[in-house]
PDB file of all heavy atoms in Angstrom:
ATOM      1  N   ILE A   1       0.891  -1.170   0.005  1.00  0.00           N
ATOM      2  CA  ILE A   1      -0.042  -0.041   0.019  1.00  0.00           C
ATOM      3  C   ILE A   1       0.919   1.237   0.046  1.00  0.00           C
ATOM      4  O   ILE A   1       1.780   1.362   0.859  1.00  0.00           O
ATOM      5  CB  ILE A   1      -0.899   0.058   1.262  1.00  0.00           C
ATOM      6  CG1 ILE A   1      -1.810  -1.191   1.345  1.00  0.00           C
ATOM      7  CG2 ILE A   1      -1.835   1.320   1.193  1.00  0.00           C
ATOM      8  CD1 ILE A   1      -2.582  -1.303   2.622  1.00  0.00           C
ATOM      9  N   GLU A   2       0.551   2.142  -0.870  1.00  0.00           N
ATOM     10  CA  GLU A   2       1.387   3.369  -1.000  1.00  0.00           C
ATOM     11  C   GLU A   2       0.406   4.564  -1.027  1.00  0.00           C
ATOM     12  O   GLU A   2      -0.750   4.474  -1.383  1.00  0.00           O
ATOM     13  CB  GLU A   2       2.305   3.415  -2.266  1.00  0.00           C
ATOM     14  CG  GLU A   2       3.390   2.440  -2.215  1.00  0.00           C
ATOM     15  CD  GLU A   2       4.259   2.519  -3.490  1.00  0.00           C
ATOM     16  OE1 GLU A   2       3.699   2.853  -4.559  1.00  0.00           O
ATOM     17  OE2 GLU A   2       5.460   2.234  -3.375  1.00  0.00           O
ATOM     18  N   HIS A   3       0.940   5.710  -0.594  1.00  0.00           N
ATOM     19  CA  HIS A   3       0.212   7.025  -0.675  1.00  0.00           C
ATOM     20  C   HIS A   3       0.837   8.008  -1.508  1.00  0.00           C
ATOM     21  O   HIS A   3       1.976   8.224  -1.289  1.00  0.00           O
ATOM     22  CB  HIS A   3      -0.038   7.514   0.826  1.00  0.00           C
ATOM     23  CG  HIS A   3      -0.684   8.941   0.790  1.00  0.00           C
ATOM     24  ND1 HIS A   3      -1.906   9.107   0.514  1.00  0.00           N
ATOM     25  CD2 HIS A   3      -0.031  10.079   1.091  1.00  0.00           C
ATOM     26  CE1 HIS A   3      -2.112  10.402   0.630  1.00  0.00           C
ATOM     27  NE2 HIS A   3      -1.030  11.073   1.040  1.00  0.00           N
ATOM     28  N   ALA A   4       0.225   8.461  -2.533  1.00  0.00           N
ATOM     29  CA  ALA A   4       0.815   9.516  -3.402  1.00  0.00           C
ATOM     30  C   ALA A   4       0.287  10.877  -2.998  1.00  0.00           C
ATOM     31  O   ALA A   4      -0.901  11.091  -2.802  1.00  0.00           O
ATOM     32  CB  ALA A   4       0.421   9.246  -4.839  1.00  0.00           C
ATOM     33  N   LEU A   5       1.239  11.810  -2.700  1.00  0.00           N
ATOM     34  CA  LEU A   5       0.873  13.175  -2.380  1.00  0.00           C
ATOM     35  C   LEU A   5       0.360  13.836  -3.644  1.00  0.00           C
ATOM     36  O   LEU A   5       0.895  13.849  -4.676  1.00  0.00           O
ATOM     37  CB  LEU A   5       2.097  13.972  -1.833  1.00  0.00           C
ATOM     38  CG  LEU A   5       2.386  13.822  -0.334  1.00  0.00           C
ATOM     39  CD1 LEU A   5       3.049  12.516  -0.015  1.00  0.00           C
ATOM     40  CD2 LEU A   5       3.239  14.872   0.157  1.00  0.00           C
ATOM     41  N   LEU A   6      -0.868  14.573  -3.463  1.00  0.00           N
ATOM     42  CA  LEU A   6      -1.479  15.147  -4.624  1.00  0.00           C
ATOM     43  C   LEU A   6      -1.043  16.615  -4.721  1.00  0.00           C
ATOM     44  O   LEU A   6      -0.581  17.211  -3.734  1.00  0.00           O
ATOM     45  CB  LEU A   6      -3.043  15.123  -4.409  1.00  0.00           C
ATOM     46  CG  LEU A   6      -3.617  13.769  -4.267  1.00  0.00           C
ATOM     47  CD1 LEU A   6      -5.096  13.935  -3.959  1.00  0.00           C
ATOM     48  CD2 LEU A   6      -3.424  12.953  -5.584  1.00  0.00           C
ATOM     49  N   PRO A   7      -1.083  17.177  -6.008  1.00  0.00           N
ATOM     50  CA  PRO A   7      -0.559  18.548  -6.164  1.00  0.00           C
ATOM     51  C   PRO A   7      -1.744  19.514  -5.605  1.00  0.00           C
ATOM     52  O   PRO A   7      -2.821  19.248  -5.703  1.00  0.00           O
ATOM     53  CB  PRO A   7      -0.533  18.680  -7.629  1.00  0.00           C
ATOM     54  CG  PRO A   7      -1.515  17.648  -8.164  1.00  0.00           C
ATOM     55  CD  PRO A   7      -1.436  16.434  -7.187  1.00  0.00           C
ATOM     56  N   TYR A   8      -1.192  20.577  -4.901  1.00  0.00           N
ATOM     57  CA  TYR A   8      -2.054  21.659  -4.416  1.00  0.00           C
ATOM     58  C   TYR A   8      -2.315  22.515  -5.584  1.00  0.00           C
ATOM     59  O   TYR A   8      -1.710  23.604  -5.776  1.00  0.00           O
ATOM     60  CB  TYR A   8      -1.323  22.389  -3.312  1.00  0.00           C
ATOM     61  CG  TYR A   8      -2.133  23.094  -2.230  1.00  0.00           C
ATOM     62  CD1 TYR A   8      -3.521  22.922  -2.227  1.00  0.00           C
ATOM     63  CD2 TYR A   8      -1.523  23.913  -1.390  1.00  0.00           C
ATOM     64  CE1 TYR A   8      -4.251  23.527  -1.260  1.00  0.00           C
ATOM     65  CE2 TYR A   8      -2.312  24.595  -0.323  1.00  0.00           C
ATOM     66  CZ  TYR A   8      -3.771  24.306  -0.325  1.00  0.00           C
ATOM     67  OH  TYR A   8      -4.459  24.949   0.667  1.00  0.00           O
ATOM     68  N   ASP A   9      -3.294  22.075  -6.511  1.00  0.00           N
ATOM     69  CA  ASP A   9      -3.437  22.683  -7.774  1.00  0.00           C
ATOM     70  C   ASP A   9      -4.451  23.864  -7.745  1.00  0.00           C
ATOM     71  O   ASP A   9      -5.000  24.198  -6.693  1.00  0.00           O
ATOM     72  CB  ASP A   9      -3.873  21.649  -8.755  1.00  0.00           C
ATOM     73  CG  ASP A   9      -5.164  20.917  -8.328  1.00  0.00           C
ATOM     74  OD1 ASP A   9      -5.818  21.438  -7.475  1.00  0.00           O
ATOM     75  OD2 ASP A   9      -5.389  19.850  -8.945  1.00  0.00           O
ATOM     76  N   LEU A  10      -4.662  24.465  -8.930  1.00  0.00           N
ATOM     77  CA  LEU A  10      -5.534  25.632  -8.917  1.00  0.00           C
ATOM     78  C   LEU A  10      -6.926  25.386  -8.497  1.00  0.00           C
ATOM     79  O   LEU A  10      -7.627  26.084  -7.807  1.00  0.00           O
ATOM     80  CB  LEU A  10      -5.518  26.085 -10.423  1.00  0.00           C
ATOM     81  CG  LEU A  10      -6.388  27.412 -10.580  1.00  0.00           C
ATOM     82  CD1 LEU A  10      -5.853  28.578  -9.836  1.00  0.00           C
ATOM     83  CD2 LEU A  10      -6.430  27.758 -12.154  1.00  0.00           C
ATOM     84  N   GLU A  11      -7.420  24.171  -8.839  1.00  0.00           N
ATOM     85  CA  GLU A  11      -8.769  23.746  -8.454  1.00  0.00           C
ATOM     86  C   GLU A  11      -8.886  23.756  -6.936  1.00  0.00           C
ATOM     87  O   GLU A  11      -9.952  24.256  -6.442  1.00  0.00           O
ATOM     88  CB  GLU A  11      -9.133  22.396  -9.069  1.00  0.00           C
ATOM     89  CG  GLU A  11     -10.453  21.912  -8.820  1.00  0.00           C
ATOM     90  CD  GLU A  11     -10.783  20.558  -9.473  1.00  0.00           C
ATOM     91  OE1 GLU A  11      -9.979  19.615  -9.237  1.00  0.00           O
ATOM     92  OE2 GLU A  11     -11.886  20.384  -9.957  1.00  0.00           O
ATOM     93  N   ALA A  12      -7.911  23.181  -6.289  1.00  0.00           N
ATOM     94  CA  ALA A  12      -7.962  23.174  -4.826  1.00  0.00           C
ATOM     95  C   ALA A  12      -7.890  24.562  -4.168  1.00  0.00           C
ATOM     96  O   ALA A  12      -8.528  24.834  -3.281  1.00  0.00           O
ATOM     97  CB  ALA A  12      -6.884  22.196  -4.260  1.00  0.00           C
ATOM     98  N   LEU A  13      -6.922  25.277  -4.716  1.00  0.00           N
ATOM     99  CA  LEU A  13      -6.782  26.609  -4.116  1.00  0.00           C
ATOM    100  C   LEU A  13      -7.954  27.540  -4.345  1.00  0.00           C
ATOM    101  O   LEU A  13      -8.235  28.343  -3.417  1.00  0.00           O
ATOM    102  CB  LEU A  13      -5.465  27.249  -4.660  1.00  0.00           C
ATOM    103  CG  LEU A  13      -4.125  26.537  -4.355  1.00  0.00           C
ATOM    104  CD1 LEU A  13      -3.034  26.978  -5.257  1.00  0.00           C
ATOM    105  CD2 LEU A  13      -3.731  26.864  -2.959  1.00  0.00           C
ATOM    106  N   LEU A  14      -8.571  27.405  -5.497  1.00  0.00           N
ATOM    107  CA  LEU A  14      -9.752  28.264  -5.664  1.00  0.00           C
ATOM    108  C   LEU A  14     -10.956  27.805  -4.944  1.00  0.00           C
ATOM    109  O   LEU A  14     -11.640  28.756  -4.398  1.00  0.00           O
ATOM    110  CB  LEU A  14     -10.074  28.276  -7.207  1.00  0.00           C
ATOM    111  CG  LEU A  14      -9.108  28.956  -8.150  1.00  0.00           C
ATOM    112  CD1 LEU A  14      -9.620  29.001  -9.571  1.00  0.00           C
ATOM    113  CD2 LEU A  14      -8.928  30.501  -7.746  1.00  0.00           C
ATOM    114  N   ILE A  15     -11.215  26.593  -4.778  1.00  0.00           N
ATOM    115  CA  ILE A  15     -12.391  26.134  -4.000  1.00  0.00           C
ATOM    116  C   ILE A  15     -12.208  26.552  -2.529  1.00  0.00           C
ATOM    117  O   ILE A  15     -13.174  26.811  -1.869  1.00  0.00           O
ATOM    118  CB  ILE A  15     -12.663  24.665  -4.180  1.00  0.00           C
ATOM    119  CG1 ILE A  15     -14.236  24.434  -3.921  1.00  0.00           C
ATOM    120  CG2 ILE A  15     -11.836  23.749  -3.307  1.00  0.00           C
ATOM    121  CD1 ILE A  15     -14.680  23.117  -4.283  1.00  0.00           C
ATOM    122  N   GLU A  16     -10.960  26.656  -2.066  1.00  0.00           N
ATOM    123  CA  GLU A  16     -10.781  27.107  -0.735  1.00  0.00           C
ATOM    124  C   GLU A  16     -11.053  28.533  -0.624  1.00  0.00           C
ATOM    125  O   GLU A  16     -11.735  28.933   0.351  1.00  0.00           O
ATOM    126  CB  GLU A  16      -9.285  26.775  -0.304  1.00  0.00           C
ATOM    127  CG  GLU A  16      -9.020  25.309  -0.140  1.00  0.00           C
ATOM    128  CD  GLU A  16      -7.666  25.076   0.310  1.00  0.00           C
ATOM    129  OE1 GLU A  16      -6.697  25.857   0.046  1.00  0.00           O
ATOM    130  OE2 GLU A  16      -7.383  23.994   0.873  1.00  0.00           O
ATOM    131  N   VAL A  17     -10.546  29.450  -1.493  1.00  0.00           N
ATOM    132  CA  VAL A  17     -10.905  30.846  -1.348  1.00  0.00           C
ATOM    133  C   VAL A  17     -12.453  31.118  -1.597  1.00  0.00           C
ATOM    134  O   VAL A  17     -12.981  32.101  -1.008  1.00  0.00           O
ATOM    135  CB  VAL A  17     -10.049  31.755  -2.268  1.00  0.00           C
ATOM    136  CG1 VAL A  17      -8.661  31.615  -1.975  1.00  0.00           C
ATOM    137  CG2 VAL A  17     -10.332  31.439  -3.678  1.00  0.00           C
ATOM    138  N   GLU A  18     -13.084  30.278  -2.270  1.00  0.00           N
ATOM    139  CA  GLU A  18     -14.560  30.434  -2.444  1.00  0.00           C
ATOM    140  C   GLU A  18     -15.359  30.245  -1.140  1.00  0.00           C
ATOM    141  O   GLU A  18     -16.410  30.740  -1.035  1.00  0.00           O
ATOM    142  CB  GLU A  18     -15.037  29.428  -3.441  1.00  0.00           C
ATOM    143  CG  GLU A  18     -14.731  29.826  -4.953  1.00  0.00           C
ATOM    144  CD  GLU A  18     -15.458  28.899  -5.933  1.00  0.00           C
ATOM    145  OE1 GLU A  18     -16.610  29.231  -6.279  1.00  0.00           O
ATOM    146  OE2 GLU A  18     -14.832  27.867  -6.320  1.00  0.00           O
ATOM    147  N   LEU A  19     -14.630  29.665  -0.071  1.00  0.00           N
ATOM    148  CA  LEU A  19     -15.360  29.516   1.202  1.00  0.00           C
ATOM    149  C   LEU A  19     -15.553  30.948   1.734  1.00  0.00           C
ATOM    150  O   LEU A  19     -16.584  31.073   2.544  1.00  0.00           O
ATOM    151  CB  LEU A  19     -14.461  28.713   2.173  1.00  0.00           C
ATOM    152  CG  LEU A  19     -14.193  27.373   1.748  1.00  0.00           C
ATOM    153  CD1 LEU A  19     -13.055  26.731   2.811  1.00  0.00           C
ATOM    154  CD2 LEU A  19     -15.492  26.437   1.844  1.00  0.00           C
ATOM    155  N   LEU A  20     -14.838  31.909   1.394  1.00  0.00           N
ATOM    156  CA  LEU A  20     -15.102  33.273   1.879  1.00  0.00           C
ATOM    157  C   LEU A  20     -16.471  33.743   1.252  1.00  0.00           C
ATOM    158  O   LEU A  20     -17.292  34.283   1.948  1.00  0.00           O
ATOM    159  CB  LEU A  20     -13.974  34.216   1.363  1.00  0.00           C
ATOM    160  CG  LEU A  20     -14.155  35.676   1.761  1.00  0.00           C
ATOM    161  CD1 LEU A  20     -13.391  36.079   2.965  1.00  0.00           C
ATOM    162  CD2 LEU A  20     -13.873  36.633   0.577  1.00  0.00           C
ATOM    163  N   ALA A  21     -16.740  33.511   0.001  1.00  0.00           N
ATOM    164  CA  ALA A  21     -17.972  33.893  -0.606  1.00  0.00           C
ATOM    165  C   ALA A  21     -19.079  33.018  -0.181  1.00  0.00           C
ATOM    166  O   ALA A  21     -20.241  33.544   0.006  1.00  0.00           O
ATOM    167  CB  ALA A  21     -17.799  33.730  -2.126  1.00  0.00           C
ATOM    168  N   ASP A  22     -18.928  31.773   0.132  1.00  0.00           N
ATOM    169  CA  ASP A  22     -19.927  30.801   0.454  1.00  0.00           C
ATOM    170  C   ASP A  22     -20.453  30.980   1.960  1.00  0.00           C
ATOM    171  O   ASP A  22     -21.563  30.747   2.237  1.00  0.00           O
ATOM    172  CB  ASP A  22     -19.514  29.445   0.268  1.00  0.00           C
ATOM    173  CG  ASP A  22     -19.281  29.018  -1.263  1.00  0.00           C
ATOM    174  OD1 ASP A  22     -19.875  29.855  -2.044  1.00  0.00           O
ATOM    175  OD2 ASP A  22     -18.586  28.146  -1.497  1.00  0.00           O
ATOM    176  N   TRP A  23     -19.490  31.345   2.804  1.00  0.00           N
ATOM    177  CA  TRP A  23     -19.727  31.300   4.322  1.00  0.00           C
ATOM    178  C   TRP A  23     -19.546  32.569   4.981  1.00  0.00           C
ATOM    179  O   TRP A  23     -20.380  33.062   5.701  1.00  0.00           O
ATOM    180  CB  TRP A  23     -19.002  30.109   4.946  1.00  0.00           C
ATOM    181  CG  TRP A  23     -19.500  28.817   4.447  1.00  0.00           C
ATOM    182  CD1 TRP A  23     -18.890  28.089   3.439  1.00  0.00           C
ATOM    183  CD2 TRP A  23     -20.528  28.044   4.903  1.00  0.00           C
ATOM    184  NE1 TRP A  23     -19.506  26.878   3.210  1.00  0.00           N
ATOM    185  CE2 TRP A  23     -20.607  26.785   4.192  1.00  0.00           C
ATOM    186  CE3 TRP A  23     -21.470  28.247   5.989  1.00  0.00           C
ATOM    187  CZ2 TRP A  23     -21.588  25.816   4.340  1.00  0.00           C
ATOM    188  CZ3 TRP A  23     -22.510  27.326   6.109  1.00  0.00           C
ATOM    189  CH2 TRP A  23     -22.460  26.064   5.351  1.00  0.00           C
ATOM    190  N   TYR A  24     -18.363  33.149   4.822  1.00  0.00           N
ATOM    191  CA  TYR A  24     -17.963  34.337   5.506  1.00  0.00           C
ATOM    192  C   TYR A  24     -18.922  35.536   5.064  1.00  0.00           C
ATOM    193  O   TYR A  24     -19.377  36.317   5.864  1.00  0.00           O
ATOM    194  CB  TYR A  24     -16.515  34.636   5.291  1.00  0.00           C
ATOM    195  CG  TYR A  24     -16.033  35.949   5.974  1.00  0.00           C
ATOM    196  CD1 TYR A  24     -15.686  35.942   7.379  1.00  0.00           C
ATOM    197  CD2 TYR A  24     -15.981  37.105   5.278  1.00  0.00           C
ATOM    198  CE1 TYR A  24     -15.282  37.054   8.069  1.00  0.00           C
ATOM    199  CE2 TYR A  24     -15.501  38.361   5.977  1.00  0.00           C
ATOM    200  CZ  TYR A  24     -15.103  38.206   7.307  1.00  0.00           C
ATOM    201  OH  TYR A  24     -14.716  39.413   7.938  1.00  0.00           O
ATOM    202  N   VAL A  25     -18.906  35.805   3.744  1.00  0.00           N
ATOM    203  CA  VAL A  25     -19.614  36.911   3.277  1.00  0.00           C
ATOM    204  C   VAL A  25     -21.132  36.957   3.684  1.00  0.00           C
ATOM    205  O   VAL A  25     -21.594  37.883   4.322  1.00  0.00           O
ATOM    206  CB  VAL A  25     -19.500  37.092   1.834  1.00  0.00           C
ATOM    207  CG1 VAL A  25     -20.408  38.148   1.188  1.00  0.00           C
ATOM    208  CG2 VAL A  25     -17.959  37.371   1.370  1.00  0.00           C
ATOM    209  N   PRO A  26     -21.899  35.906   3.529  1.00  0.00           N
ATOM    210  CA  PRO A  26     -23.325  35.906   3.883  1.00  0.00           C
ATOM    211  C   PRO A  26     -23.593  35.926   5.285  1.00  0.00           C
ATOM    212  O   PRO A  26     -24.467  36.503   5.817  1.00  0.00           O
ATOM    213  CB  PRO A  26     -23.916  34.763   3.110  1.00  0.00           C
ATOM    214  CG  PRO A  26     -22.755  33.728   2.893  1.00  0.00           C
ATOM    215  CD  PRO A  26     -21.559  34.697   2.642  1.00  0.00           C
ATOM    216  N   HIS A  27     -22.633  35.125   6.029  1.00  0.00           N
ATOM    217  CA  HIS A  27     -23.071  34.913   7.465  1.00  0.00           C
ATOM    218  C   HIS A  27     -22.285  35.803   8.467  1.00  0.00           C
ATOM    219  O   HIS A  27     -22.840  35.975   9.536  1.00  0.00           O
ATOM    220  CB  HIS A  27     -22.708  33.475   7.772  1.00  0.00           C
ATOM    221  CG  HIS A  27     -23.518  32.397   7.081  1.00  0.00           C
ATOM    222  ND1 HIS A  27     -24.867  32.355   7.121  1.00  0.00           N
ATOM    223  CD2 HIS A  27     -23.179  31.472   6.223  1.00  0.00           C
ATOM    224  CE1 HIS A  27     -25.311  31.434   6.388  1.00  0.00           C
ATOM    225  NE2 HIS A  27     -24.267  30.854   5.809  1.00  0.00           N
ATOM    226  N   ILE A  28     -21.228  36.398   7.992  1.00  0.00           N
ATOM    227  CA  ILE A  28     -20.565  37.376   8.968  1.00  0.00           C
ATOM    228  C   ILE A  28     -20.676  38.753   8.447  1.00  0.00           C
ATOM    229  O   ILE A  28     -21.033  39.656   9.180  1.00  0.00           O
ATOM    230  CB  ILE A  28     -18.996  36.995   8.982  1.00  0.00           C
ATOM    231  CG1 ILE A  28     -18.840  35.415   9.420  1.00  0.00           C
ATOM    232  CG2 ILE A  28     -18.290  37.905   9.994  1.00  0.00           C
ATOM    233  CD1 ILE A  28     -19.477  35.168  10.755  1.00  0.00           C
ATOM    234  N   ILE A  29     -20.514  39.085   7.155  1.00  0.00           N
ATOM    235  CA  ILE A  29     -20.640  40.328   6.645  1.00  0.00           C
ATOM    236  C   ILE A  29     -22.041  40.742   6.422  1.00  0.00           C
ATOM    237  O   ILE A  29     -22.568  41.869   6.606  1.00  0.00           O
ATOM    238  CB  ILE A  29     -19.847  40.472   5.238  1.00  0.00           C
ATOM    239  CG1 ILE A  29     -18.332  40.202   5.372  1.00  0.00           C
ATOM    240  CG2 ILE A  29     -20.056  41.833   4.648  1.00  0.00           C
ATOM    241  CD1 ILE A  29     -17.719  41.240   6.266  1.00  0.00           C
ATOM    242  N   GLY A  30     -22.919  39.675   6.101  1.00  0.00           N
ATOM    243  CA  GLY A  30     -24.367  39.890   5.997  1.00  0.00           C
ATOM    244  C   GLY A  30     -24.812  40.374   4.631  1.00  0.00           C
ATOM    245  O   GLY A  30     -25.776  41.044   4.453  1.00  0.00           O
ATOM    246  N   THR A  31     -23.979  40.115   3.647  1.00  0.00           N
ATOM    247  CA  THR A  31     -24.323  40.490   2.221  1.00  0.00           C
ATOM    248  C   THR A  31     -24.204  39.324   1.349  1.00  0.00           C
ATOM    249  O   THR A  31     -23.783  38.139   1.832  1.00  0.00           O
ATOM    250  CB  THR A  31     -23.466  41.592   1.772  1.00  0.00           C
ATOM    251  OG1 THR A  31     -22.065  41.172   1.777  1.00  0.00           O
ATOM    252  CG2 THR A  31     -23.542  42.865   2.652  1.00  0.00           C
ATOM    253  N   GLN A  32     -24.467  39.433   0.077  1.00  0.00           N
ATOM    254  CA  GLN A  32     -24.368  38.378  -0.939  1.00  0.00           C
ATOM    255  C   GLN A  32     -23.552  39.004  -2.051  1.00  0.00           C
ATOM    256  O   GLN A  32     -23.746  40.168  -2.512  1.00  0.00           O
ATOM    257  CB  GLN A  32     -25.626  37.922  -1.403  1.00  0.00           C
ATOM    258  CG  GLN A  32     -26.472  37.136  -0.419  1.00  0.00           C
ATOM    259  CD  GLN A  32     -25.857  35.748  -0.259  1.00  0.00           C
ATOM    260  OE1 GLN A  32     -25.083  35.229  -0.949  1.00  0.00           O
ATOM    261  NE2 GLN A  32     -26.413  34.975   0.827  1.00  0.00           N
ATOM    262  N   LEU A  33     -22.641  38.210  -2.568  1.00  0.00           N
ATOM    263  CA  LEU A  33     -21.812  38.753  -3.783  1.00  0.00           C
ATOM    264  C   LEU A  33     -22.719  38.417  -5.081  1.00  0.00           C
ATOM    265  O   LEU A  33     -23.361  37.395  -5.132  1.00  0.00           O
ATOM    266  CB  LEU A  33     -20.550  37.942  -3.855  1.00  0.00           C
ATOM    267  CG  LEU A  33     -19.523  38.213  -2.840  1.00  0.00           C
ATOM    268  CD1 LEU A  33     -18.244  37.282  -3.068  1.00  0.00           C
ATOM    269  CD2 LEU A  33     -19.049  39.604  -2.824  1.00  0.00           C
ATOM    270  N   SER A  34     -22.559  39.350  -5.953  1.00  0.00           N
ATOM    271  CA  SER A  34     -23.322  39.231  -7.247  1.00  0.00           C
ATOM    272  C   SER A  34     -22.512  38.208  -7.965  1.00  0.00           C
ATOM    273  O   SER A  34     -21.279  37.860  -7.720  1.00  0.00           O
ATOM    274  CB  SER A  34     -23.287  40.520  -8.035  1.00  0.00           C
ATOM    275  OG  SER A  34     -22.071  40.911  -8.402  1.00  0.00           O
ATOM    276  N   GLY A  35     -23.101  37.630  -9.136  1.00  0.00           N
ATOM    277  CA  GLY A  35     -22.376  36.700  -9.899  1.00  0.00           C
ATOM    278  C   GLY A  35     -21.169  37.274 -10.539  1.00  0.00           C
ATOM    279  O   GLY A  35     -20.139  36.654 -10.587  1.00  0.00           O
ATOM    280  N   SER A  36     -21.312  38.539 -10.921  1.00  0.00           N
ATOM    281  CA  SER A  36     -20.150  39.197 -11.613  1.00  0.00           C
ATOM    282  C   SER A  36     -18.974  39.460 -10.685  1.00  0.00           C
ATOM    283  O   SER A  36     -17.796  39.327 -10.968  1.00  0.00           O
ATOM    284  CB  SER A  36     -20.504  40.615 -12.206  1.00  0.00           C
ATOM    285  OG  SER A  36     -21.178  41.335 -11.219  1.00  0.00           O
ATOM    286  N   ALA A  37     -19.446  39.838  -9.397  1.00  0.00           N
ATOM    287  CA  ALA A  37     -18.335  40.054  -8.367  1.00  0.00           C
ATOM    288  C   ALA A  37     -17.644  38.830  -7.968  1.00  0.00           C
ATOM    289  O   ALA A  37     -16.377  38.743  -7.830  1.00  0.00           O
ATOM    290  CB  ALA A  37     -18.983  40.625  -7.059  1.00  0.00           C
ATOM    291  N   ARG A  38     -18.319  37.633  -7.983  1.00  0.00           N
ATOM    292  CA  ARG A  38     -17.674  36.404  -7.638  1.00  0.00           C
ATOM    293  C   ARG A  38     -16.818  35.967  -8.812  1.00  0.00           C
ATOM    294  O   ARG A  38     -15.674  35.335  -8.563  1.00  0.00           O
ATOM    295  CB  ARG A  38     -18.826  35.283  -7.399  1.00  0.00           C
ATOM    296  CG  ARG A  38     -18.350  34.024  -6.884  1.00  0.00           C
ATOM    297  CD  ARG A  38     -19.441  32.986  -6.708  1.00  0.00           C
ATOM    298  NE  ARG A  38     -19.039  31.738  -6.197  1.00  0.00           N
ATOM    299  CZ  ARG A  38     -19.269  31.375  -4.918  1.00  0.00           C
ATOM    300  NH1 ARG A  38     -20.009  31.968  -4.265  1.00  0.00           N
ATOM    301  NH2 ARG A  38     -18.790  30.168  -4.471  1.00  0.00           N
TER     302      ARG A  38
END
């Protein structure tokens, strides 16, 4: 059994920053981002 380390690629890095839009902005800031802003 082996484990291959995966690349910290653009897909991973972007879905992480999207957490700001998905959770922080609506629940802490109290607003919603428009589609164009996102």
